[in-house]
Amino acid sequence: MRRRERVKHKGVQFEIDCNTPGICKCRVIIPQSVVQSFFKHAAQIQQLDSDSHGFKKGAVPLDYIQVHYKKTIINHMQEIFLKHFVIDTLLEYIHKNKLLVVGQLRLTEISMDLDKDAVYTFEGLLPKEIYIQRWKTLPFKATQRKKYRDIDNQVKSFLEEEEQQQLIYQAEDTVQIGDWVCFDAWIIDIDKKALFQNKKSELWLKIGDEEPDLTFHELFLNKRINEIIITDNTSLRQYFCNSFDAPYTYAIQIKDRLPFKYFSTEYLKHHFRLKSKKDVHNKLIEIFSFSSDVSQSRLTADAALNTIIKRNNILVPPSSVQAQKEVIIYELQQKPDYTLYKMKSDFDDHITTLAKKQLYEVVVTDYIAYTENLTASHDDIKAYFNLMQRTRTKEFLYFDPPSTQFEGQEAPIALESIKRACVREKALNHIIYHLTK
């Protein structure tokens, strides 16, 4: 694919250069005026907290701050800009323009100074070849359930328990432990006005129940939808700028919540396009029926993707395979028996095969999501998180969800990261739906 263009989206400019074979460079350009405006605010905040030698605390001249703290402030800004809107607007642009990237985008350079636009440069790998046609009519036989009566009893028990929880659940209109919360967050100046030309980050957060989650409890517990809160919450600050102590003040507005108290069969119906109670029962069978410790749901998804991969031409760059191998090995290193795995003579061959399989599966689902014009709505996202509310129903998610924790604490997840994961699951369900019609 040969392509070079410069476009503007939501006040941010994008330069897309796909002229180098197999590589796509994406530059996100932030206007100089935004850089200067935030630097001025950051210098004012630094001035209030500074007690440089020879000056009283809070009395350091602003010109002195802007010169001597410039490097520290710009380091703050690079991370805050990245997390506040660069990544989200880039992912949104990529999906909207149907750029098929293999693996993760890599941030290669940040250029930021006061006398010019800020530029974030990302690099992504493109498929060497992808040709998929008439996939909806391929012969396919879905994995069948085990015929044990106990499986039906387990599903019935699961549904009865969740229905009972829903009956006793009083429609609390405040955030509780275990809920998923959707909220907007934005940085405000000393006059409580929004910076970044009113740009807001839409985030999702699971309200955890461990000790590290207590700081987010202070911010969210017992708060109501549409409530606006002014805060200097340390966990929120660390999300936007983990590398430095960046003492900025934020405003948040709670937009929605998904209760933890019960599992919603209505959202299950939404996710899988189910119509009746019988459909719900049969769908849940798929995560209670196992063969060699693998669920019927996962076996069916694996077989559906493999059917398309085997019947079509898909090639990915060798460098993407190597990068995916490193991801897999890192995950294995967290397991206590990693040393035993590594000692096997076919270890590298097995990891290479697995890396290719994972890349092919993502390329197929992304390609079909683009060609079928699939998107993720707010209800799609809530249905996705609904599956994550119970250990058993997580089995419905074939692809790894975005990480919800950082250093043992539940951490916010940006909207577009969730949308990307949600669209992949939606594309997979779309594939299975058509192959089994």
Protein backbone atom coordinates (compact mmCIF):
# COMPACT_ATOMS: atom_id res chain seq x y z
CA MET A 1 0.00 0.00 0.00
CA ARG A 2 1.51 3.31 -1.10
CA ARG A 3 -0.04 6.25 0.66
CA ARG A 4 1.00 9.64 2.00
CA GLU A 5 -1.40 12.21 3.35
CA ARG A 6 -1.83 14.95 5.92
CA VAL A 7 -5.24 15.47 7.49
CA LYS A 8 -6.78 17.26 10.46
CA HIS A 9 -9.03 15.51 12.96
CA LYS A 10 -10.43 16.97 16.21
CA GLY A 11 -7.95 19.84 16.15
CA VAL A 12 -4.97 17.48 15.76
CA GLN A 13 -3.09 16.91 12.51
CA PHE A 14 -2.02 13.50 11.23
CA GLU A 15 0.68 12.66 8.72
CA ILE A 16 0.39 9.13 7.38
CA ASP A 17 3.28 7.77 5.32
CA CYS A 18 2.92 4.21 4.01
CA ASN A 19 5.36 4.56 1.09
CA THR A 20 8.05 2.36 2.65
CA PRO A 21 7.10 -1.28 1.90
CA GLY A 22 5.71 -3.00 4.98
CA ILE A 23 5.93 0.08 7.23
CA CYS A 24 3.44 2.80 8.09
CA LYS A 25 4.64 5.94 9.87
CA CYS A 26 2.04 8.00 11.72
CA ARG A 27 2.83 11.48 13.01
CA VAL A 28 0.44 13.15 15.43
CA ILE A 29 0.95 16.92 15.36
CA ILE A 30 -0.18 19.11 18.28
CA PRO A 31 -0.49 22.85 17.51
CA GLN A 32 2.16 25.13 18.99
CA SER A 33 -0.58 27.22 20.62
CA VAL A 34 -1.69 24.20 22.72
CA VAL A 35 1.91 23.51 23.76
CA GLN A 36 2.50 27.12 24.80
CA SER A 37 -0.82 27.38 26.63
CA PHE A 38 -0.19 24.29 28.73
CA PHE A 39 3.44 25.26 29.40
CA LYS A 40 2.24 28.60 30.79
CA HIS A 41 -0.22 26.83 33.10
CA ALA A 42 2.42 24.29 34.19
CA ALA A 43 4.87 27.08 34.99
CA GLN A 44 2.24 28.82 37.14
CA ILE A 45 1.61 25.59 39.08
CA GLN A 46 5.36 25.08 39.50
CA GLN A 47 5.66 28.68 40.74
CA LEU A 48 3.13 28.07 43.52
CA ASP A 49 5.07 25.05 44.78
CA SER A 50 8.63 26.21 44.18
CA ASP A 51 11.03 27.34 46.94
CA SER A 52 14.21 27.87 44.92
CA HIS A 53 17.24 29.20 46.78
CA GLY A 54 16.97 32.92 47.40
CA PHE A 55 13.18 33.08 47.02
CA LYS A 56 10.27 32.50 49.37
CA LYS A 57 7.98 29.60 48.53
CA GLY A 58 5.50 30.73 45.90
CA ALA A 59 7.43 33.94 45.18
CA VAL A 60 9.82 32.64 42.52
CA PRO A 61 9.49 34.85 39.39
CA LEU A 62 7.61 33.18 36.54
CA ASP A 63 10.42 33.98 34.08
CA TYR A 64 12.85 32.10 36.35
CA ILE A 65 10.51 29.08 36.45
CA GLN A 66 10.08 29.05 32.68
CA VAL A 67 13.85 28.95 32.16
CA HIS A 68 15.09 26.71 34.97
CA TYR A 69 12.18 24.24 35.08
CA LYS A 70 11.59 24.08 31.34
CA LYS A 71 13.02 20.58 30.83
CA THR A 72 11.05 19.11 33.76
CA ILE A 73 7.81 20.74 32.61
CA ILE A 74 8.22 19.56 29.01
CA ASN A 75 8.87 16.02 30.28
CA HIS A 76 5.54 16.25 32.15
CA MET A 77 3.84 17.54 29.05
CA GLN A 78 5.11 14.79 26.76
CA GLU A 79 3.51 12.07 28.87
CA ILE A 80 0.33 14.00 29.66
CA PHE A 81 -0.31 14.90 26.01
CA LEU A 82 0.34 11.28 25.02
CA LYS A 83 -2.18 9.85 27.49
CA HIS A 84 -4.68 12.69 27.44
CA PHE A 85 -5.45 12.65 23.72
CA VAL A 86 -2.60 11.57 21.39
CA ILE A 87 -3.08 7.78 21.67
CA ASP A 88 -6.87 7.92 21.65
CA THR A 89 -7.14 10.26 18.67
CA LEU A 90 -4.56 8.17 16.77
CA LEU A 91 -6.41 4.88 17.40
CA GLU A 92 -9.69 6.54 16.42
CA TYR A 93 -8.12 7.84 13.20
CA ILE A 94 -6.64 4.42 12.36
CA HIS A 95 -10.00 2.68 12.79
CA LYS A 96 -11.93 5.36 10.91
CA ASN A 97 -9.50 5.17 7.98
CA LYS A 98 -9.22 1.37 8.13
CA LEU A 99 -5.44 1.15 8.43
CA LEU A 100 -4.56 -2.51 8.95
CA VAL A 101 -1.57 -2.59 11.31
CA VAL A 102 0.10 -5.85 12.38
CA GLY A 103 0.88 -5.95 16.09
CA GLN A 104 1.32 -2.87 18.25
CA LEU A 105 2.15 0.63 17.09
CA ARG A 106 5.55 1.70 18.40
CA LEU A 107 6.27 5.24 19.60
CA THR A 108 9.63 6.07 18.03
CA GLU A 109 10.09 9.79 18.72
CA ILE A 110 8.62 12.80 20.53
CA SER A 111 9.59 16.30 19.41
CA MET A 112 8.34 19.07 21.69
CA ASP A 113 9.47 22.65 22.28
CA LEU A 114 7.81 26.01 22.79
CA ASP A 115 8.63 27.49 19.38
CA LYS A 116 7.00 24.80 17.22
CA ASP A 117 4.27 22.19 16.95
CA ALA A 118 4.75 19.04 19.02
CA VAL A 119 5.15 15.86 16.95
CA TYR A 120 4.64 12.27 18.13
CA THR A 121 5.96 9.72 15.63
CA PHE A 122 4.63 6.16 15.65
CA GLU A 123 5.61 3.25 13.45
CA GLY A 124 3.48 0.25 12.56
CA LEU A 125 4.01 -2.84 10.41
CA LEU A 126 1.69 -3.68 7.52
CA PRO A 127 0.71 -7.16 6.26
CA LYS A 128 2.94 -8.38 3.44
CA GLU A 129 -0.13 -9.87 1.82
CA ILE A 130 -3.79 -10.26 2.71
CA TYR A 131 -6.45 -11.62 0.40
CA ILE A 132 -9.73 -12.78 1.92
CA GLN A 133 -12.83 -13.44 -0.15
CA ARG A 134 -16.17 -15.24 0.18
CA TRP A 135 -15.41 -16.24 3.75
CA LYS A 136 -19.10 -16.33 4.71
CA THR A 137 -19.73 -19.39 2.52
CA LEU A 138 -16.77 -21.51 3.65
CA PRO A 139 -17.69 -24.99 4.93
CA PHE A 140 -17.61 -25.01 8.72
CA LYS A 141 -18.83 -27.24 11.52
CA ALA A 142 -18.95 -25.71 14.99
CA THR A 143 -17.63 -27.65 17.98
CA GLN A 144 -20.42 -29.59 19.66
CA ARG A 145 -21.18 -29.52 23.37
CA LYS A 146 -20.60 -32.41 25.73
CA LYS A 147 -23.80 -34.35 26.40
CA TYR A 148 -23.54 -34.37 30.17
CA ARG A 149 -26.77 -33.46 31.96
CA ASP A 150 -24.72 -31.89 34.75
CA ILE A 151 -23.64 -29.13 32.35
CA ASP A 152 -27.26 -28.03 31.90
CA ASN A 153 -27.70 -28.08 35.67
CA GLN A 154 -24.61 -25.89 36.11
CA VAL A 155 -25.96 -23.35 33.61
CA LYS A 156 -29.37 -23.40 35.27
CA SER A 157 -27.78 -22.86 38.68
CA PHE A 158 -25.65 -19.98 37.33
CA LEU A 159 -28.69 -18.24 35.83
CA GLU A 160 -30.83 -18.74 38.94
CA GLU A 161 -28.13 -17.30 41.18
CA GLU A 162 -27.63 -14.23 38.97
CA GLU A 163 -31.39 -13.71 38.61
CA GLN A 164 -31.72 -13.84 42.39
CA GLN A 165 -28.93 -11.30 42.75
CA GLN A 166 -30.72 -9.02 40.31
CA LEU A 167 -34.00 -9.34 42.23
CA ILE A 168 -32.45 -8.35 45.56
CA TYR A 169 -30.31 -5.69 43.95
CA GLN A 170 -31.79 -2.30 44.61
CA ALA A 171 -31.16 0.03 41.73
CA GLU A 172 -28.53 2.03 43.56
CA ASP A 173 -27.71 5.19 41.69
CA THR A 174 -24.24 5.49 43.19
CA VAL A 175 -20.93 3.81 42.35
CA GLN A 176 -20.09 0.68 44.38
CA ILE A 177 -17.06 -1.62 44.70
CA GLY A 178 -16.75 -3.93 41.69
CA ASP A 179 -18.63 -1.62 39.31
CA TRP A 180 -17.21 -0.46 36.00
CA VAL A 181 -17.36 3.33 35.77
CA CYS A 182 -17.25 5.46 32.62
CA PHE A 183 -16.08 9.03 33.16
CA ASP A 184 -14.63 12.06 31.42
CA ALA A 185 -11.44 13.61 32.82
CA TRP A 186 -9.78 16.88 31.95
CA ILE A 187 -7.13 19.20 33.38
CA ILE A 188 -8.30 22.58 34.66
CA ASP A 189 -6.41 25.82 35.21
CA ILE A 190 -6.34 27.94 38.37
CA ASP A 191 -9.67 29.49 37.30
CA LYS A 192 -11.16 25.97 36.96
CA LYS A 193 -11.41 26.29 33.18
CA ALA A 194 -10.59 23.33 30.93
CA LEU A 195 -7.21 23.29 29.21
CA PHE A 196 -6.45 21.60 25.87
CA GLN A 197 -9.25 23.53 24.13
CA ASN A 198 -11.85 21.60 26.17
CA LYS A 199 -10.51 18.19 25.10
CA LYS A 200 -11.57 15.47 27.53
CA SER A 201 -10.37 11.91 28.04
CA GLU A 202 -13.17 9.34 28.17
CA LEU A 203 -12.03 6.52 30.44
CA TRP A 204 -13.33 3.32 32.01
CA LEU A 205 -12.27 2.10 35.45
CA LYS A 206 -13.11 -0.98 37.49
CA ILE A 207 -13.55 -0.10 41.16
CA GLY A 208 -11.27 -2.67 42.77
CA ASP A 209 -11.46 -4.10 46.28
CA GLU A 210 -7.77 -4.25 47.20
CA GLU A 211 -5.78 -1.87 49.39
CA PRO A 212 -4.03 -0.14 46.43
CA ASP A 213 -7.50 0.78 45.09
CA LEU A 214 -8.42 2.89 48.11
CA THR A 215 -7.37 6.18 46.49
CA PHE A 216 -9.87 5.62 43.67
CA HIS A 217 -12.50 4.69 46.29
CA GLU A 218 -12.11 8.21 47.69
CA LEU A 219 -12.83 9.63 44.26
CA PHE A 220 -15.70 7.42 43.05
CA LEU A 221 -17.48 5.48 45.80
CA ASN A 222 -21.07 6.62 46.42
CA LYS A 223 -20.87 9.19 43.62
CA ARG A 224 -23.71 9.58 41.11
CA ILE A 225 -23.90 9.65 37.33
CA ASN A 226 -23.41 13.18 35.90
CA GLU A 227 -21.70 14.34 39.10
CA ILE A 228 -18.71 16.63 38.43
CA ILE A 229 -15.79 16.44 40.85
CA ILE A 230 -12.72 18.68 41.12
CA THR A 231 -9.80 16.60 42.36
CA ASP A 232 -6.07 16.28 42.88
CA ASN A 233 -6.43 12.50 43.34
CA THR A 234 -2.96 10.94 43.27
CA SER A 235 -4.00 7.81 41.35
CA LEU A 236 -5.59 9.89 38.60
CA ARG A 237 -2.50 12.09 38.42
CA GLN A 238 -0.27 9.02 38.16
CA TYR A 239 -2.37 7.61 35.33
CA PHE A 240 -1.76 10.70 33.21
CA CYS A 241 1.84 11.21 34.30
CA ASN A 242 3.36 8.18 35.98
CA SER A 243 6.97 9.21 35.41
CA PHE A 244 6.89 12.47 37.36
CA ASP A 245 5.08 14.17 40.21
CA ALA A 246 2.86 16.41 38.09
CA PRO A 247 0.68 18.41 40.52
CA TYR A 248 -2.17 19.31 38.18
CA THR A 249 -5.83 19.56 39.13
CA TYR A 250 -8.43 17.53 37.27
CA ALA A 251 -12.16 17.63 36.81
CA ILE A 252 -14.09 14.43 36.22
CA GLN A 253 -17.69 13.77 35.27
CA ILE A 254 -19.19 10.32 35.81
CA LYS A 255 -21.10 9.30 32.68
CA ASP A 256 -22.25 5.73 33.32
CA ARG A 257 -21.69 2.62 35.41
CA LEU A 258 -22.07 -1.14 35.05
CA PRO A 259 -23.07 -2.80 38.35
CA PHE A 260 -21.04 -5.71 39.69
CA LYS A 261 -23.85 -7.08 41.88
CA TYR A 262 -25.36 -9.19 39.09
CA PHE A 263 -24.51 -10.54 35.64
CA SER A 264 -26.81 -9.06 32.99
CA THR A 265 -28.37 -11.60 30.61
CA GLU A 266 -29.70 -8.64 28.59
CA TYR A 267 -26.15 -7.55 27.80
CA LEU A 268 -25.27 -11.18 27.02
CA LYS A 269 -28.13 -11.17 24.48
CA HIS A 270 -26.83 -7.92 23.05
CA HIS A 271 -23.27 -9.21 22.69
CA PHE A 272 -24.23 -12.42 20.89
CA ARG A 273 -27.46 -11.31 19.18
CA LEU A 274 -29.57 -13.75 21.20
CA LYS A 275 -33.37 -13.59 21.34
CA SER A 276 -34.75 -16.04 23.89
CA LYS A 277 -34.02 -17.64 27.26
CA LYS A 278 -33.26 -20.86 25.42
CA ASP A 279 -30.65 -19.02 23.32
CA VAL A 280 -29.08 -17.69 26.53
CA HIS A 281 -28.99 -21.17 28.07
CA ASN A 282 -27.41 -22.70 24.96
CA LYS A 283 -24.84 -19.93 24.69
CA LEU A 284 -23.80 -20.36 28.33
CA ILE A 285 -23.39 -24.10 27.70
CA GLU A 286 -20.37 -23.13 25.58
CA ILE A 287 -18.42 -21.95 28.64
CA PHE A 288 -19.46 -24.88 30.83
CA SER A 289 -18.68 -27.59 28.27
CA PHE A 290 -14.94 -28.42 28.13
CA SER A 291 -12.78 -30.78 26.10
CA SER A 292 -9.18 -31.29 27.28
CA ASP A 293 -9.54 -28.20 29.51
CA VAL A 294 -10.60 -26.00 26.57
CA SER A 295 -14.14 -24.60 26.45
CA GLN A 296 -16.54 -25.19 23.57
CA SER A 297 -16.63 -21.41 23.07
CA ARG A 298 -12.87 -21.17 22.58
CA LEU A 299 -12.70 -24.28 20.39
CA THR A 300 -15.41 -22.89 18.10
CA ALA A 301 -13.71 -19.49 17.82
CA ASP A 302 -10.34 -21.10 17.14
CA ALA A 303 -11.81 -23.35 14.44
CA ALA A 304 -13.69 -20.47 12.77
CA LEU A 305 -10.58 -18.30 12.51
CA ASN A 306 -8.47 -21.24 11.36
CA THR A 307 -11.00 -21.99 8.60
CA ILE A 308 -10.56 -18.50 7.16
CA ILE A 309 -6.77 -18.42 7.64
CA LYS A 310 -6.24 -21.77 5.86
CA ARG A 311 -8.45 -20.86 2.88
CA ASN A 312 -6.96 -17.41 2.21
CA ASN A 313 -3.62 -15.71 1.64
CA ILE A 314 -2.23 -13.91 4.69
CA LEU A 315 1.43 -13.02 5.19
CA VAL A 316 2.90 -10.87 7.97
CA PRO A 317 6.40 -9.35 8.24
CA PRO A 318 9.05 -11.51 9.99
CA SER A 319 9.80 -8.60 12.33
CA SER A 320 6.19 -8.66 13.58
CA VAL A 321 6.53 -12.37 14.35
CA GLN A 322 9.70 -11.69 16.34
CA ALA A 323 7.98 -8.90 18.28
CA GLN A 324 5.02 -11.16 19.08
CA LYS A 325 7.39 -13.93 20.21
CA GLU A 326 8.90 -11.49 22.70
CA VAL A 327 5.42 -10.71 24.06
CA ILE A 328 4.65 -14.42 24.49
CA ILE A 329 8.00 -15.15 26.15
CA TYR A 330 7.54 -12.25 28.57
CA GLU A 331 4.15 -13.67 29.59
CA LEU A 332 5.63 -17.15 30.03
CA GLN A 333 8.43 -15.75 32.18
CA GLN A 334 5.81 -14.74 34.75
CA LYS A 335 4.90 -18.42 35.22
CA PRO A 336 6.82 -20.55 37.76
CA ASP A 337 7.48 -23.39 35.28
CA TYR A 338 8.94 -21.16 32.54
CA THR A 339 12.39 -22.78 32.91
CA LEU A 340 10.89 -26.20 32.15
CA TYR A 341 9.17 -24.85 29.03
CA LYS A 342 12.39 -23.28 27.79
CA MET A 343 14.39 -26.50 28.18
CA LYS A 344 12.27 -28.32 25.59
CA SER A 345 14.02 -28.78 22.24
CA ASP A 346 11.04 -27.51 20.24
CA PHE A 347 10.45 -24.46 22.47
CA ASP A 348 11.38 -21.87 19.84
CA ASP A 349 9.43 -23.61 17.08
CA HIS A 350 6.36 -23.76 19.30
CA ILE A 351 6.64 -20.06 20.23
CA THR A 352 7.10 -19.09 16.57
CA THR A 353 4.01 -21.06 15.53
CA LEU A 354 1.96 -19.51 18.33
CA ALA A 355 3.15 -15.99 17.45
CA LYS A 356 2.14 -16.43 13.79
CA LYS A 357 -1.24 -17.86 14.81
CA GLN A 358 -1.99 -14.92 17.10
CA LEU A 359 -0.97 -12.37 14.46
CA TYR A 360 -3.01 -14.06 11.71
CA GLU A 361 -6.07 -14.16 13.96
CA VAL A 362 -5.87 -10.44 14.76
CA VAL A 363 -5.24 -9.51 11.11
CA VAL A 364 -8.27 -11.57 10.01
CA THR A 365 -10.62 -10.07 12.62
CA ASP A 366 -9.39 -6.50 11.99
CA TYR A 367 -9.71 -6.96 8.22
CA ILE A 368 -13.25 -8.32 8.49
CA ALA A 369 -14.19 -5.61 11.00
CA TYR A 370 -13.08 -3.00 8.45
CA THR A 371 -14.71 -4.61 5.41
CA GLU A 372 -17.98 -5.21 7.30
CA ASN A 373 -17.90 -1.66 8.76
CA LEU A 374 -18.13 -2.88 12.35
CA THR A 375 -17.88 -0.34 15.16
CA ALA A 376 -18.27 -0.39 18.95
CA SER A 377 -21.16 1.51 20.55
CA HIS A 378 -21.46 2.44 24.22
CA ASP A 379 -23.78 -0.55 24.77
CA ASP A 380 -21.29 -2.82 23.00
CA ILE A 381 -18.65 -1.73 25.50
CA LYS A 382 -20.96 -2.33 28.47
CA ALA A 383 -21.79 -5.78 27.10
CA TYR A 384 -18.05 -6.48 26.77
CA PHE A 385 -17.37 -5.44 30.37
CA ASN A 386 -20.40 -7.44 31.51
CA LEU A 387 -18.56 -10.59 30.39
CA MET A 388 -15.59 -9.55 32.54
CA GLN A 389 -17.74 -9.32 35.68
CA ARG A 390 -17.63 -13.08 36.30
CA THR A 391 -14.66 -15.44 36.08
CA ARG A 392 -16.69 -18.00 34.14
CA THR A 393 -18.04 -15.56 31.53
CA LYS A 394 -14.56 -14.16 30.80
CA GLU A 395 -14.15 -17.41 28.86
CA PHE A 396 -16.32 -15.86 26.12
CA LEU A 397 -13.53 -13.34 25.36
CA TYR A 398 -11.19 -14.97 22.86
CA PHE A 399 -8.65 -12.15 22.63
CA ASP A 400 -6.83 -10.79 25.65
CA PRO A 401 -8.64 -7.71 26.98
CA PRO A 402 -6.68 -4.52 27.69
CA SER A 403 -4.82 -4.69 30.98
CA THR A 404 -6.96 -3.29 33.79
CA GLN A 405 -4.19 -3.08 36.38
CA PHE A 406 -0.92 -1.24 36.88
CA GLU A 407 1.38 -2.34 39.71
CA GLY A 408 -1.44 -4.16 41.48
CA GLN A 409 -3.93 -1.30 41.28
CA GLU A 410 -6.95 -1.01 39.00
CA ALA A 411 -6.15 1.70 36.46
CA PRO A 412 -8.23 3.64 33.91
CA ILE A 413 -8.50 2.35 30.35
CA ALA A 414 -8.82 4.82 27.48
CA LEU A 415 -11.96 4.63 25.35
CA GLU A 416 -10.33 3.78 22.01
CA SER A 417 -8.31 0.92 23.54
CA ILE A 418 -11.55 -0.60 24.79
CA LYS A 419 -13.25 0.01 21.45
CA ARG A 420 -10.49 -1.81 19.59
CA ALA A 421 -10.77 -4.87 21.86
CA CYS A 422 -14.56 -4.74 21.66
CA VAL A 423 -14.61 -4.53 17.85
CA ARG A 424 -12.33 -7.58 17.58
CA GLU A 425 -14.69 -9.67 19.70
CA LYS A 426 -17.61 -8.29 17.70
CA ALA A 427 -15.89 -9.26 14.44
CA LEU A 428 -15.22 -12.76 15.78
CA ASN A 429 -18.89 -13.17 16.75
CA HIS A 430 -19.82 -11.86 13.30
CA ILE A 431 -17.58 -14.50 11.69
CA ILE A 432 -19.04 -17.37 13.75
CA TYR A 433 -22.59 -16.12 13.16
CA HIS A 434 -22.18 -16.24 9.37
CA LEU A 435 -20.19 -19.49 9.24
CA THR A 436 -22.82 -21.31 11.32
CA LYS A 437 -25.94 -19.90 9.61
